[in-house]
Protein backbone atom coordinates (compact mmCIF):
# COMPACT_ATOMS: atom_id res chain seq x y z
CA UNK A 1 18.21 -24.48 0.63
CA UNK A 2 17.18 -21.22 -1.00
CA UNK A 3 18.78 -17.82 -0.78
CA UNK A 4 19.18 -16.22 2.63
CA UNK A 5 16.21 -14.06 3.51
CA UNK A 6 18.30 -10.94 4.15
CA UNK A 7 19.94 -11.41 0.75
CA UNK A 8 16.56 -11.77 -0.93
CA UNK A 9 15.20 -8.64 0.71
CA UNK A 10 18.25 -6.61 -0.28
CA UNK A 11 17.87 -7.71 -3.89
CA UNK A 12 14.20 -6.80 -4.10
CA UNK A 13 14.65 -3.11 -4.85
CA UNK A 14 11.20 -2.84 -6.35
CA UNK A 15 9.24 -3.92 -3.28
CA UNK A 16 6.12 -1.77 -3.28
CA UNK A 17 5.77 1.19 -0.96
CA UNK A 18 2.60 2.45 0.64
CA UNK A 19 0.53 5.06 -1.23
CA UNK A 20 1.39 8.70 -0.55
CA UNK A 21 -2.08 9.45 0.82
CA UNK A 22 -1.72 6.69 3.44
CA UNK A 23 1.74 7.79 4.58
CA UNK A 24 0.46 11.39 4.79
CA UNK A 25 -2.51 10.30 6.90
CA UNK A 26 -0.21 8.26 9.17
CA UNK A 27 1.95 11.34 9.73
CA UNK A 28 -1.09 13.48 10.53
CA UNK A 29 -2.46 10.95 12.99
CA UNK A 30 0.83 10.96 14.89
CA UNK A 31 0.32 14.69 15.50
CA UNK A 32 -1.98 15.18 18.53
CA UNK A 33 -3.17 18.53 17.11
CA UNK A 34 -4.59 16.91 13.98
CA UNK A 35 -8.37 17.12 13.59
CA UNK A 36 -10.81 14.97 11.64
CA UNK A 37 -11.21 17.85 9.20
CA UNK A 38 -7.44 17.92 8.55
CA UNK A 39 -7.40 14.26 7.62
CA UNK A 40 -10.64 14.58 5.70
CA UNK A 41 -9.11 17.22 3.44
CA UNK A 42 -6.21 14.91 2.55
CA UNK A 43 -8.41 11.91 1.81
CA UNK A 44 -10.94 13.96 -0.14
CA UNK A 45 -8.26 14.83 -2.70
CA UNK A 46 -8.33 11.18 -3.77
CA UNK A 47 -11.77 10.64 -5.28
CA UNK A 48 -11.45 6.86 -5.59
CA UNK A 49 -10.27 6.44 -2.00
CA UNK A 50 -13.05 8.74 -0.79
CA UNK A 51 -15.66 6.69 -2.62
CA UNK A 52 -14.29 3.43 -1.23
CA UNK A 53 -14.09 4.74 2.32
CA UNK A 54 -17.68 6.01 2.30
CA UNK A 55 -18.87 2.81 0.70
CA UNK A 56 -17.13 0.79 3.39
CA UNK A 57 -18.39 2.80 6.39
CA UNK A 58 -21.93 2.59 4.99
CA UNK A 59 -21.72 -1.16 4.39
CA UNK A 60 -22.76 -4.11 6.50
CA UNK A 61 -19.16 -4.14 7.77
CA UNK A 62 -20.25 -1.43 10.24
CA UNK A 63 -24.02 -1.43 10.03
CA UNK A 64 -24.54 2.21 11.03
CA UNK A 65 -28.26 3.10 11.07
CA UNK A 66 -27.81 6.42 9.27
CA UNK A 67 -25.96 7.07 6.06
CA UNK A 68 -22.58 8.77 6.40
CA UNK A 69 -21.96 11.17 3.51
CA UNK A 70 -18.70 12.97 4.33
CA UNK A 71 -15.18 11.80 5.10
CA UNK A 72 -14.92 14.01 8.20
CA UNK A 73 -18.15 12.49 9.56
CA UNK A 74 -16.79 9.00 8.86
CA UNK A 75 -13.60 9.80 10.76
CA UNK A 76 -15.54 11.21 13.71
CA UNK A 77 -17.71 8.09 13.91
CA UNK A 78 -15.10 5.35 13.49
CA UNK A 79 -12.01 7.08 14.94
CA UNK A 80 -8.44 7.57 13.75
CA UNK A 81 -7.24 4.01 14.37
CA UNK A 82 -10.11 2.43 12.47
CA UNK A 83 -9.63 4.95 9.67
CA UNK A 84 -5.96 4.07 9.31
CA UNK A 85 -6.74 0.37 9.11
CA UNK A 86 -9.52 0.83 6.57
CA UNK A 87 -7.37 3.04 4.32
CA UNK A 88 -4.61 0.46 4.56
CA UNK A 89 -7.04 -2.31 3.65
CA UNK A 90 -8.29 -0.48 0.56
CA UNK A 91 -4.84 0.76 -0.46
CA UNK A 92 -3.03 -2.58 -0.26
CA UNK A 93 -5.43 -4.03 -2.81
CA UNK A 94 -3.90 -1.68 -5.40
CA UNK A 95 -0.29 -2.56 -4.64
CA UNK A 96 -0.13 -6.12 -5.95
CA UNK A 97 -1.67 -7.92 -8.96
CA UNK A 98 -5.29 -9.00 -8.70
CA UNK A 99 -5.62 -11.03 -11.89
CA UNK A 100 -3.87 -14.25 -12.80
CA UNK A 101 -0.68 -13.73 -14.81
CA UNK A 102 1.97 -15.92 -16.38
CA UNK A 103 3.52 -18.38 -13.99
CA UNK A 104 0.32 -20.05 -12.91
CA UNK A 105 -0.07 -18.45 -9.48
CA UNK A 106 -3.75 -18.08 -8.64
CA UNK A 107 -3.93 -14.39 -7.71
CA UNK A 108 -7.72 -14.37 -7.73
CA UNK A 109 -7.87 -17.34 -5.38
CA UNK A 110 -5.17 -15.71 -3.24
CA UNK A 111 -7.13 -12.48 -2.76
CA UNK A 112 -10.34 -14.40 -2.15
CA UNK A 113 -8.57 -16.36 0.60
CA UNK A 114 -7.03 -13.16 2.02
CA UNK A 115 -10.37 -11.35 2.16
CA UNK A 116 -12.03 -14.43 3.63
CA UNK A 117 -9.39 -14.63 6.35
CA UNK A 118 -9.78 -10.90 7.02
CA UNK A 119 -13.54 -11.33 7.38
CA UNK A 120 -12.99 -14.33 9.66
CA UNK A 121 -10.55 -12.43 11.87
CA UNK A 122 -13.09 -9.63 12.22
CA UNK A 123 -15.81 -12.10 13.22
CA UNK A 124 -13.51 -13.76 15.76
CA UNK A 125 -12.78 -10.32 17.23
CA UNK A 126 -16.46 -10.05 18.11
CA UNK A 127 -16.57 -13.49 19.70
CA UNK A 128 -13.55 -12.78 21.92
CA UNK A 129 -14.72 -9.22 22.74
CA UNK A 130 -11.65 -7.64 21.15
CA UNK A 131 -12.24 -3.98 20.27
CA UNK A 132 -9.74 -3.73 17.41
CA UNK A 133 -11.82 -5.52 14.78
CA UNK A 134 -10.45 -3.37 11.93
CA UNK A 135 -6.89 -4.11 13.06
CA UNK A 136 -7.59 -7.84 12.97
CA UNK A 137 -9.30 -7.42 9.62
CA UNK A 138 -6.15 -5.85 8.16
CA UNK A 139 -3.89 -8.47 9.76
CA UNK A 140 -6.04 -11.16 8.15
CA UNK A 141 -5.97 -9.37 4.81
CA UNK A 142 -2.16 -9.17 4.88
CA UNK A 143 -1.39 -12.53 6.50
CA UNK A 144 -0.24 -14.21 3.26
CA UNK A 145 1.27 -11.16 1.54
CA UNK A 146 4.67 -12.90 1.56
CA UNK A 147 3.34 -15.31 -1.07
CA UNK A 148 2.98 -12.39 -3.48
CA UNK A 149 6.62 -11.44 -2.85
CA UNK A 150 7.67 -15.02 -3.59
CA UNK A 151 5.54 -15.20 -6.75
CA UNK A 152 6.87 -11.91 -8.11
CA UNK A 153 10.49 -11.81 -6.96
CA UNK A 154 11.48 -15.42 -6.26
CA UNK A 155 9.85 -17.15 -9.20
CA UNK A 156 12.32 -20.03 -9.54
CA UNK A 157 12.18 -20.94 -5.85
CA UNK A 158 8.43 -20.42 -5.71
CA UNK A 159 7.92 -22.77 -8.65
CA UNK A 160 9.96 -25.41 -6.84
CA UNK A 161 7.81 -24.97 -3.72
CA UNK A 162 4.64 -25.38 -5.77
CA UNK A 163 6.03 -28.47 -7.47
CA UNK A 164 6.78 -30.06 -4.12
CA UNK A 165 3.29 -29.20 -2.87
CA UNK A 166 1.87 -30.96 -5.91
CA UNK A 167 4.15 -33.99 -5.50
CA UNK A 168 3.82 -34.38 -1.73
CA UNK A 169 0.32 -32.97 -1.16
CA UNK A 170 1.80 -31.06 1.76
CA UNK A 171 1.37 -27.66 3.35
CA UNK A 172 3.00 -24.73 1.59
CA UNK A 173 4.54 -23.48 4.81
CA UNK A 174 6.32 -26.81 5.31
CA UNK A 175 7.65 -26.97 1.75
CA UNK A 176 8.87 -23.36 2.00
CA UNK A 177 10.76 -24.17 5.18
CA UNK A 178 12.46 -27.15 3.53
CA UNK A 179 13.32 -25.43 0.24
CA UNK A 180 13.87 -21.81 1.27
CA UNK A 181 14.72 -22.08 4.95
CA UNK A 182 11.98 -19.53 5.76
CA UNK A 183 8.30 -19.03 4.95
CA UNK A 184 5.90 -16.58 3.37
CA UNK A 185 4.84 -15.60 6.89
CA UNK A 186 8.37 -14.44 7.74
CA UNK A 187 8.65 -12.56 4.44
CA UNK A 188 5.28 -10.91 5.04
CA UNK A 189 6.32 -9.78 8.49
CA UNK A 190 9.51 -8.26 7.08
CA UNK A 191 7.55 -6.41 4.38
CA UNK A 192 5.03 -4.98 6.84
CA UNK A 193 7.86 -3.92 9.13
CA UNK A 194 9.56 -2.25 6.14
CA UNK A 195 6.36 -0.31 5.56
CA UNK A 196 6.60 0.99 9.12
CA UNK A 197 3.29 -0.52 10.20
CA UNK A 198 2.53 -1.31 13.86
CA UNK A 199 3.90 -4.41 15.58
CA UNK A 200 0.28 -5.36 16.21
CA UNK A 201 0.14 -6.18 12.48
CA UNK A 202 3.69 -7.48 12.07
CA UNK A 203 3.50 -10.26 14.67
CA UNK A 204 0.14 -11.76 13.57
CA UNK A 205 1.38 -11.90 9.98
CA UNK A 206 4.87 -13.21 10.73
CA UNK A 207 3.65 -15.84 13.20
CA UNK A 208 0.22 -16.88 11.95
CA UNK A 209 1.58 -20.41 11.41
CA UNK A 210 3.50 -20.35 14.71
CA UNK A 211 1.16 -18.49 17.08
CA UNK A 212 2.75 -20.09 20.14
CA UNK A 213 5.80 -17.88 19.51
CA UNK A 214 3.84 -14.61 19.74
CA UNK A 215 4.87 -12.56 22.75
CA UNK A 216 3.46 -9.04 22.35
CA UNK A 217 0.20 -9.84 20.56
CA UNK A 218 -0.67 -13.49 21.21
CA UNK A 219 -4.46 -13.15 20.96
CA UNK A 220 -4.32 -11.18 17.71
CA UNK A 221 -1.92 -13.73 16.26
CA UNK A 222 -4.14 -16.57 17.45
CA UNK A 223 -7.20 -14.94 15.86
CA UNK A 224 -5.50 -14.70 12.45
CA UNK A 225 -4.22 -18.27 12.85
CA UNK A 226 -7.76 -19.54 13.48
CA UNK A 227 -9.30 -17.37 10.76
CA UNK A 228 -6.86 -18.79 8.21
CA UNK A 229 -7.77 -22.34 9.21
CA UNK A 230 -11.51 -21.71 9.14
CA UNK A 231 -11.26 -19.92 5.80
CA UNK A 232 -9.61 -23.02 4.34
CA UNK A 233 -12.18 -25.28 5.99
CA UNK A 234 -14.91 -23.10 4.48
CA UNK A 235 -13.17 -23.41 1.10
CA UNK A 236 -12.99 -19.66 0.55
CA UNK A 237 -10.29 -18.90 -2.00
CA UNK A 238 -7.01 -20.74 -2.38
CA UNK A 239 -4.22 -20.63 0.18
CA UNK A 240 -1.60 -22.24 -2.07
CA UNK A 241 -2.23 -25.86 -1.11
CA UNK A 242 -5.16 -28.18 -0.45
CA UNK A 243 -4.43 -28.81 3.21
CA UNK A 244 -5.97 -27.39 6.37
CA UNK A 245 -3.21 -26.45 8.85
CA UNK A 246 -3.52 -27.95 12.34
CA UNK A 247 -5.01 -25.77 15.05
CA UNK A 248 -2.37 -24.77 17.57
CA UNK A 249 -3.55 -25.63 21.12
CA UNK A 250 -1.76 -22.63 22.65
CA UNK A 251 -3.55 -20.30 20.23
CA UNK A 252 -6.89 -21.96 20.89
CA UNK A 253 -6.49 -21.61 24.64
CA UNK A 254 -5.50 -17.95 24.37
CA UNK A 255 -8.71 -17.11 22.50
CA UNK A 256 -10.96 -18.61 25.16
CA UNK A 257 -13.48 -19.87 22.61
CA UNK A 258 -15.69 -22.95 22.88
CA UNK A 259 -16.05 -25.68 20.27
CA UNK A 260 -19.69 -24.65 19.94
CA UNK A 261 -18.52 -21.22 18.75
CA UNK A 262 -16.93 -22.60 15.58
CA UNK A 263 -20.10 -23.20 13.59
CA UNK A 264 -21.59 -19.71 14.15
CA UNK A 265 -18.19 -18.14 13.45
CA UNK A 266 -17.99 -19.95 10.12
CA UNK A 267 -21.54 -18.97 9.22
CA UNK A 268 -20.82 -15.31 9.90
CA UNK A 269 -17.53 -15.56 7.99
CA UNK A 270 -19.44 -16.29 4.81
CA UNK A 271 -21.76 -13.33 5.36
CA UNK A 272 -18.87 -11.01 6.21
CA UNK A 273 -16.88 -12.24 3.22
CA UNK A 274 -19.65 -11.34 0.79
CA UNK A 275 -20.24 -7.98 2.52
CA UNK A 276 -16.51 -7.21 2.45
CA UNK A 277 -16.14 -8.10 -1.23
CA UNK A 278 -19.00 -5.73 -1.98
CA UNK A 279 -17.58 -2.98 0.24
CA UNK A 280 -13.96 -3.09 -0.89
CA UNK A 281 -14.75 -3.24 -4.59
CA UNK A 282 -16.97 -0.92 -6.62
CA UNK A 283 -20.34 -2.19 -7.78
CA UNK A 284 -19.49 -1.22 -11.35
CA UNK A 285 -16.56 -2.55 -13.35
CA UNK A 286 -15.40 0.90 -14.46
CA UNK A 287 -12.78 1.28 -11.73
CA UNK A 288 -11.29 -2.17 -11.31
CA UNK A 289 -13.25 -4.90 -13.03
CA UNK A 290 -14.84 -7.98 -11.51
CA UNK A 291 -13.92 -8.44 -7.83
CA UNK A 292 -11.51 -11.34 -7.37
CA UNK A 293 -13.32 -14.57 -6.73
CA UNK A 294 -16.80 -12.98 -6.60
CA UNK A 295 -18.29 -14.80 -9.54
CA UNK A 296 -16.42 -18.01 -8.66
CA UNK A 297 -17.64 -17.84 -5.05
CA UNK A 298 -21.25 -17.17 -5.99
CA UNK A 299 -21.27 -20.08 -8.44
CA UNK A 300 -20.36 -22.57 -5.71
């Protein structure tokens, strides 16, 4: 049995915090007197974030017929909630490593899987007529963030988990439960809660392997659960093991999908994945370098 989760969290003093621009925007949005221009002025001070935001709102992710050239226009068109989720999505990519480092954890495969799951959750949102597609996108992007915490701050235990996965050919979540007594999903939920993000993100992350336990946001949790499974079935990225988790019947029922929906969902996942990779990362390598998994994905 590994260290108690509360002990682990107390010892991780260097857990990342959200970027200042995002926390400032969150504070502004909570003020009912805030205008799109007010938020636009804050975002425009960050040239990289501005470029990413405009690239994203002009991408196939939204498919607007006319080009949007200013941040204030983008905010007016997509709304405050969507803006918050998109800034979070672009900001979180800067918080943790993107390239493989010592220790053997496949960061590139991890981010490819995370973005694939995010794209899948967004596609599922359309199929179940759920309006918060950006919210589900972010929940999908963050669903495995606890694995990064394990890889960076619990290296000894994480190595043991990976060894057992290799020896037993099992699911990571099962090996974590046996060795640690908790899972990456629980850690991820704790981290997102620490960041002060909405419960509509916390529950889908914390319970994406146990969607039947979701009480406040069962459909959102079920959507991330299914997106994770389909992303693995589609072989997008690397989720930490070579298994496809079983589909929870409670989650499936809550979504109201048909078996015939699965194939078109998976087809659109691939399209959305490629569009999202292009949108979230610059076309040149001057800012960040090669997008994680892009070359590997395109060579398949």
